[in-house]
Amino acid sequence: MNHQDTLVSINVLPILEEAFVDCLLAIDFIDGFSSTAVNAHGCCEHEKMSLAEQVAGRQKQVNFRVYLAENHLQDLIQQLKSSFSGTDIQYWVLPVLDQGHF
């Protein structure tokens, strides 16, 4: 592991899932990524949620996790901003302290 590795966690609406997968697969410096369905709480403006989401207090989203070298981070962010501008996608960047296989 390189001490400059990062994990980018990205939440997208389910309607964007397939386009987001296609976009990530097309980026040559990404070796792979994972995704899972999540319930997001307090993530967006109340009026952007459906009535059912407002009542439930959560919004269904898909979380993607992308592991990559930090030197590719800004390239990834710029590509995603260019492709998904205005879609209110939320992301976090985390340092990877360790990684491996068991």
N, C-alpha and C. Protein backbone atom coordinates (compact mmCIF):
# COMPACT_ATOMS: atom_id res chain seq x y z
N MET A 1 0.83 -1.19 0.00
CA MET A 1 0.00 0.00 0.00
C MET A 1 0.87 1.24 0.00
N ASN A 2 0.47 2.18 -0.76
CA ASN A 2 1.12 3.48 -0.82
C ASN A 2 0.43 4.38 0.20
N HIS A 3 1.18 5.17 0.95
CA HIS A 3 0.58 6.05 1.96
C HIS A 3 -0.22 7.18 1.33
N GLN A 4 -0.24 7.24 0.03
CA GLN A 4 -1.00 8.27 -0.67
C GLN A 4 -2.28 7.71 -1.28
N ASP A 5 -2.73 6.56 -0.80
CA ASP A 5 -3.96 5.97 -1.33
C ASP A 5 -5.18 6.56 -0.65
N THR A 6 -6.28 6.63 -1.38
CA THR A 6 -7.51 7.21 -0.86
C THR A 6 -8.70 6.31 -1.18
N LEU A 7 -9.73 6.48 -0.40
CA LEU A 7 -11.01 5.82 -0.65
C LEU A 7 -12.02 6.93 -0.83
N VAL A 8 -12.68 6.94 -1.97
CA VAL A 8 -13.70 7.93 -2.24
C VAL A 8 -15.05 7.24 -2.10
N SER A 9 -15.88 7.78 -1.23
CA SER A 9 -17.22 7.26 -0.99
C SER A 9 -18.19 8.25 -1.62
N ILE A 10 -19.08 7.74 -2.48
CA ILE A 10 -19.94 8.60 -3.29
C ILE A 10 -21.38 8.09 -3.21
N ASN A 11 -22.32 8.95 -2.87
CA ASN A 11 -23.73 8.58 -2.84
C ASN A 11 -24.45 9.19 -4.04
N VAL A 12 -25.16 8.33 -4.79
CA VAL A 12 -25.93 8.79 -5.94
C VAL A 12 -27.36 8.27 -5.84
N LEU A 13 -28.26 8.96 -6.47
CA LEU A 13 -29.65 8.50 -6.54
C LEU A 13 -29.72 7.25 -7.42
N PRO A 14 -30.60 6.32 -7.11
CA PRO A 14 -30.71 5.09 -7.90
C PRO A 14 -30.93 5.33 -9.40
N ILE A 15 -31.60 6.39 -9.75
CA ILE A 15 -31.83 6.68 -11.17
C ILE A 15 -30.53 6.94 -11.93
N LEU A 16 -29.47 7.33 -11.20
CA LEU A 16 -28.18 7.62 -11.83
C LEU A 16 -27.22 6.43 -11.78
N GLU A 17 -27.62 5.35 -11.15
CA GLU A 17 -26.70 4.23 -10.90
C GLU A 17 -26.04 3.70 -12.17
N GLU A 18 -26.79 3.37 -13.18
CA GLU A 18 -26.22 2.77 -14.40
C GLU A 18 -25.28 3.73 -15.11
N ALA A 19 -25.66 4.98 -15.21
CA ALA A 19 -24.79 5.97 -15.85
C ALA A 19 -23.51 6.16 -15.04
N PHE A 20 -23.63 6.10 -13.72
CA PHE A 20 -22.46 6.27 -12.86
C PHE A 20 -21.51 5.08 -13.01
N VAL A 21 -22.07 3.87 -13.05
CA VAL A 21 -21.25 2.67 -13.28
C VAL A 21 -20.52 2.79 -14.61
N ASP A 22 -21.23 3.16 -15.67
CA ASP A 22 -20.61 3.30 -16.98
C ASP A 22 -19.48 4.32 -16.96
N CYS A 23 -19.69 5.42 -16.27
CA CYS A 23 -18.67 6.47 -16.17
C CYS A 23 -17.43 5.94 -15.45
N LEU A 24 -17.62 5.29 -14.31
CA LEU A 24 -16.46 4.76 -13.56
C LEU A 24 -15.71 3.70 -14.36
N LEU A 25 -16.44 2.84 -15.06
CA LEU A 25 -15.79 1.80 -15.86
C LEU A 25 -14.96 2.38 -17.00
N ALA A 26 -15.30 3.56 -17.46
CA ALA A 26 -14.58 4.19 -18.57
C ALA A 26 -13.33 4.93 -18.13
N ILE A 27 -13.13 5.11 -16.85
CA ILE A 27 -11.96 5.84 -16.35
C ILE A 27 -10.80 4.87 -16.20
N ASP A 28 -9.73 5.08 -16.97
CA ASP A 28 -8.66 4.10 -17.07
C ASP A 28 -7.83 3.92 -15.79
N PHE A 29 -7.77 4.90 -14.92
CA PHE A 29 -6.95 4.75 -13.71
C PHE A 29 -7.71 4.12 -12.54
N ILE A 30 -8.96 3.74 -12.76
CA ILE A 30 -9.74 3.03 -11.73
C ILE A 30 -9.67 1.54 -12.05
N ASP A 31 -9.11 0.79 -11.11
CA ASP A 31 -9.00 -0.66 -11.31
C ASP A 31 -10.28 -1.39 -10.94
N GLY A 32 -11.08 -0.80 -10.11
CA GLY A 32 -12.32 -1.41 -9.69
C GLY A 32 -12.99 -0.57 -8.62
N PHE A 33 -14.22 -0.93 -8.31
CA PHE A 33 -14.97 -0.19 -7.30
C PHE A 33 -16.07 -1.10 -6.80
N SER A 34 -16.70 -0.70 -5.73
CA SER A 34 -17.83 -1.47 -5.20
C SER A 34 -19.02 -0.54 -5.02
N SER A 35 -20.20 -1.15 -4.94
CA SER A 35 -21.41 -0.35 -4.73
C SER A 35 -22.38 -1.14 -3.88
N THR A 36 -23.22 -0.40 -3.18
CA THR A 36 -24.24 -1.02 -2.35
C THR A 36 -25.41 -0.05 -2.16
N ALA A 37 -26.59 -0.59 -1.99
CA ALA A 37 -27.76 0.25 -1.71
C ALA A 37 -27.68 0.73 -0.27
N VAL A 38 -27.98 2.00 -0.05
CA VAL A 38 -27.95 2.58 1.30
C VAL A 38 -29.18 3.45 1.51
N ASN A 39 -29.49 3.70 2.77
CA ASN A 39 -30.49 4.70 3.14
C ASN A 39 -29.73 5.90 3.66
N ALA A 40 -29.91 7.05 3.02
CA ALA A 40 -29.22 8.27 3.43
C ALA A 40 -30.16 9.11 4.30
N HIS A 41 -29.65 9.60 5.39
CA HIS A 41 -30.42 10.39 6.35
C HIS A 41 -29.81 11.79 6.42
N GLY A 42 -30.65 12.81 6.33
CA GLY A 42 -30.16 14.18 6.45
C GLY A 42 -29.22 14.58 5.34
N CYS A 43 -29.38 13.98 4.18
CA CYS A 43 -28.42 14.17 3.10
C CYS A 43 -28.83 15.24 2.09
N CYS A 44 -30.08 15.56 2.06
CA CYS A 44 -30.52 16.50 1.02
C CYS A 44 -31.64 17.38 1.56
N GLU A 45 -31.95 18.40 0.78
CA GLU A 45 -33.00 19.33 1.18
C GLU A 45 -34.35 18.60 1.20
N HIS A 46 -35.13 18.90 2.20
CA HIS A 46 -36.41 18.23 2.42
C HIS A 46 -37.30 18.26 1.19
N GLU A 47 -37.33 19.39 0.50
CA GLU A 47 -38.23 19.52 -0.66
C GLU A 47 -37.76 18.72 -1.87
N LYS A 48 -36.53 18.22 -1.86
CA LYS A 48 -36.04 17.39 -2.95
C LYS A 48 -36.38 15.91 -2.74
N MET A 49 -36.93 15.60 -1.57
CA MET A 49 -37.29 14.22 -1.26
C MET A 49 -38.75 13.98 -1.62
N SER A 50 -39.07 12.72 -1.97
CA SER A 50 -40.46 12.37 -2.22
C SER A 50 -41.22 12.42 -0.90
N LEU A 51 -42.54 12.43 -0.97
CA LEU A 51 -43.36 12.45 0.24
C LEU A 51 -43.06 11.22 1.11
N ALA A 52 -42.92 10.05 0.48
CA ALA A 52 -42.60 8.82 1.22
C ALA A 52 -41.25 8.93 1.91
N GLU A 53 -40.27 9.53 1.23
CA GLU A 53 -38.94 9.71 1.83
C GLU A 53 -39.00 10.69 3.00
N GLN A 54 -39.79 11.73 2.85
CA GLN A 54 -39.94 12.71 3.93
C GLN A 54 -40.54 12.04 5.16
N VAL A 55 -41.57 11.22 4.97
CA VAL A 55 -42.22 10.53 6.09
C VAL A 55 -41.26 9.54 6.73
N ALA A 56 -40.52 8.79 5.91
CA ALA A 56 -39.59 7.77 6.41
C ALA A 56 -38.34 8.39 7.02
N GLY A 57 -38.02 9.61 6.62
CA GLY A 57 -36.82 10.26 7.13
C GLY A 57 -35.54 9.74 6.51
N ARG A 58 -35.64 9.18 5.32
CA ARG A 58 -34.46 8.67 4.62
C ARG A 58 -34.71 8.64 3.12
N GLN A 59 -33.61 8.63 2.39
CA GLN A 59 -33.68 8.58 0.93
C GLN A 59 -32.85 7.41 0.44
N LYS A 60 -33.41 6.61 -0.44
CA LYS A 60 -32.66 5.50 -1.01
C LYS A 60 -31.60 6.06 -1.96
N GLN A 61 -30.38 5.58 -1.79
CA GLN A 61 -29.27 5.98 -2.64
C GLN A 61 -28.38 4.76 -2.88
N VAL A 62 -27.43 4.91 -3.77
CA VAL A 62 -26.44 3.89 -4.03
C VAL A 62 -25.09 4.48 -3.64
N ASN A 63 -24.35 3.77 -2.79
CA ASN A 63 -23.03 4.22 -2.37
C ASN A 63 -21.97 3.48 -3.17
N PHE A 64 -21.07 4.23 -3.78
CA PHE A 64 -19.93 3.68 -4.50
C PHE A 64 -18.68 3.96 -3.69
N ARG A 65 -17.77 2.99 -3.67
CA ARG A 65 -16.48 3.17 -3.02
C ARG A 65 -15.40 2.89 -4.05
N VAL A 66 -14.56 3.90 -4.24
CA VAL A 66 -13.49 3.82 -5.24
C VAL A 66 -12.15 3.97 -4.52
N TYR A 67 -11.30 2.98 -4.65
CA TYR A 67 -9.95 3.00 -4.07
C TYR A 67 -8.99 3.42 -5.17
N LEU A 68 -8.21 4.47 -4.92
CA LEU A 68 -7.28 4.92 -5.94
C LEU A 68 -6.13 5.70 -5.32
N ALA A 69 -5.08 5.87 -6.10
CA ALA A 69 -3.94 6.66 -5.67
C ALA A 69 -4.35 8.12 -5.58
N GLU A 70 -3.84 8.80 -4.57
CA GLU A 70 -4.22 10.19 -4.35
C GLU A 70 -3.90 11.07 -5.56
N ASN A 71 -2.86 10.74 -6.30
CA ASN A 71 -2.51 11.58 -7.45
C ASN A 71 -3.58 11.53 -8.56
N HIS A 72 -4.52 10.59 -8.48
CA HIS A 72 -5.63 10.54 -9.44
C HIS A 72 -6.92 11.14 -8.89
N LEU A 73 -6.89 11.57 -7.64
CA LEU A 73 -8.11 12.03 -6.98
C LEU A 73 -8.75 13.22 -7.70
N GLN A 74 -7.99 14.24 -7.97
CA GLN A 74 -8.57 15.43 -8.62
C GLN A 74 -9.07 15.12 -10.02
N ASP A 75 -8.39 14.22 -10.72
CA ASP A 75 -8.87 13.80 -12.05
C ASP A 75 -10.24 13.13 -11.94
N LEU A 76 -10.39 12.26 -10.93
CA LEU A 76 -11.68 11.60 -10.72
C LEU A 76 -12.76 12.62 -10.39
N ILE A 77 -12.49 13.50 -9.45
CA ILE A 77 -13.48 14.51 -9.04
C ILE A 77 -13.88 15.38 -10.23
N GLN A 78 -12.92 15.81 -11.02
CA GLN A 78 -13.22 16.65 -12.19
C GLN A 78 -14.07 15.90 -13.22
N GLN A 79 -13.74 14.63 -13.46
CA GLN A 79 -14.51 13.83 -14.42
C GLN A 79 -15.95 13.67 -13.95
N LEU A 80 -16.12 13.38 -12.66
CA LEU A 80 -17.47 13.19 -12.12
C LEU A 80 -18.26 14.50 -12.11
N LYS A 81 -17.61 15.60 -11.76
CA LYS A 81 -18.28 16.90 -11.79
C LYS A 81 -18.71 17.26 -13.21
N SER A 82 -17.85 16.96 -14.17
CA SER A 82 -18.17 17.25 -15.57
C SER A 82 -19.35 16.40 -16.06
N SER A 83 -19.36 15.14 -15.66
CA SER A 83 -20.40 14.22 -16.14
C SER A 83 -21.72 14.33 -15.39
N PHE A 84 -21.67 14.76 -14.12
CA PHE A 84 -22.87 14.73 -13.28
C PHE A 84 -23.16 16.07 -12.60
N SER A 85 -22.76 17.14 -13.23
CA SER A 85 -23.00 18.47 -12.68
C SER A 85 -24.50 18.70 -12.44
N GLY A 86 -24.82 19.25 -11.28
CA GLY A 86 -26.21 19.58 -10.97
C GLY A 86 -27.04 18.42 -10.44
N THR A 87 -26.45 17.26 -10.23
CA THR A 87 -27.21 16.10 -9.77
C THR A 87 -27.16 15.92 -8.26
N ASP A 88 -26.50 16.82 -7.56
CA ASP A 88 -26.46 16.83 -6.09
C ASP A 88 -25.83 15.56 -5.52
N ILE A 89 -24.79 15.06 -6.18
CA ILE A 89 -24.07 13.89 -5.69
C ILE A 89 -23.17 14.31 -4.54
N GLN A 90 -23.20 13.53 -3.48
CA GLN A 90 -22.39 13.81 -2.30
C GLN A 90 -21.22 12.82 -2.25
N TYR A 91 -20.03 13.33 -1.87
CA TYR A 91 -18.88 12.43 -1.78
C TYR A 91 -18.00 12.79 -0.59
N TRP A 92 -17.21 11.81 -0.17
CA TRP A 92 -16.23 11.97 0.90
C TRP A 92 -14.93 11.35 0.42
N VAL A 93 -13.82 11.95 0.84
CA VAL A 93 -12.50 11.40 0.53
C VAL A 93 -11.84 11.02 1.86
N LEU A 94 -11.41 9.76 1.94
CA LEU A 94 -10.82 9.23 3.17
C LEU A 94 -9.43 8.70 2.89
N PRO A 95 -8.48 8.94 3.79
CA PRO A 95 -7.16 8.33 3.62
C PRO A 95 -7.25 6.84 3.92
N VAL A 96 -6.51 6.04 3.19
CA VAL A 96 -6.45 4.61 3.45
C VAL A 96 -5.23 4.35 4.31
N LEU A 97 -5.45 3.91 5.53
CA LEU A 97 -4.36 3.68 6.46
C LEU A 97 -3.72 2.30 6.27
N ASP A 98 -4.51 1.36 5.79
CA ASP A 98 -4.01 0.01 5.57
C ASP A 98 -4.97 -0.69 4.62
N GLN A 99 -4.48 -1.71 3.95
CA GLN A 99 -5.32 -2.54 3.10
C GLN A 99 -4.63 -3.85 2.88
N GLY A 100 -5.37 -4.85 2.52
CA GLY A 100 -4.77 -6.16 2.28
C GLY A 100 -5.83 -7.20 2.00
N HIS A 101 -5.42 -8.44 2.00
CA HIS A 101 -6.33 -9.57 1.74
C HIS A 101 -6.12 -10.60 2.85
N PHE A 102 -7.17 -11.32 3.21
CA PHE A 102 -7.08 -12.41 4.18
C PHE A 102 -7.33 -13.73 3.49
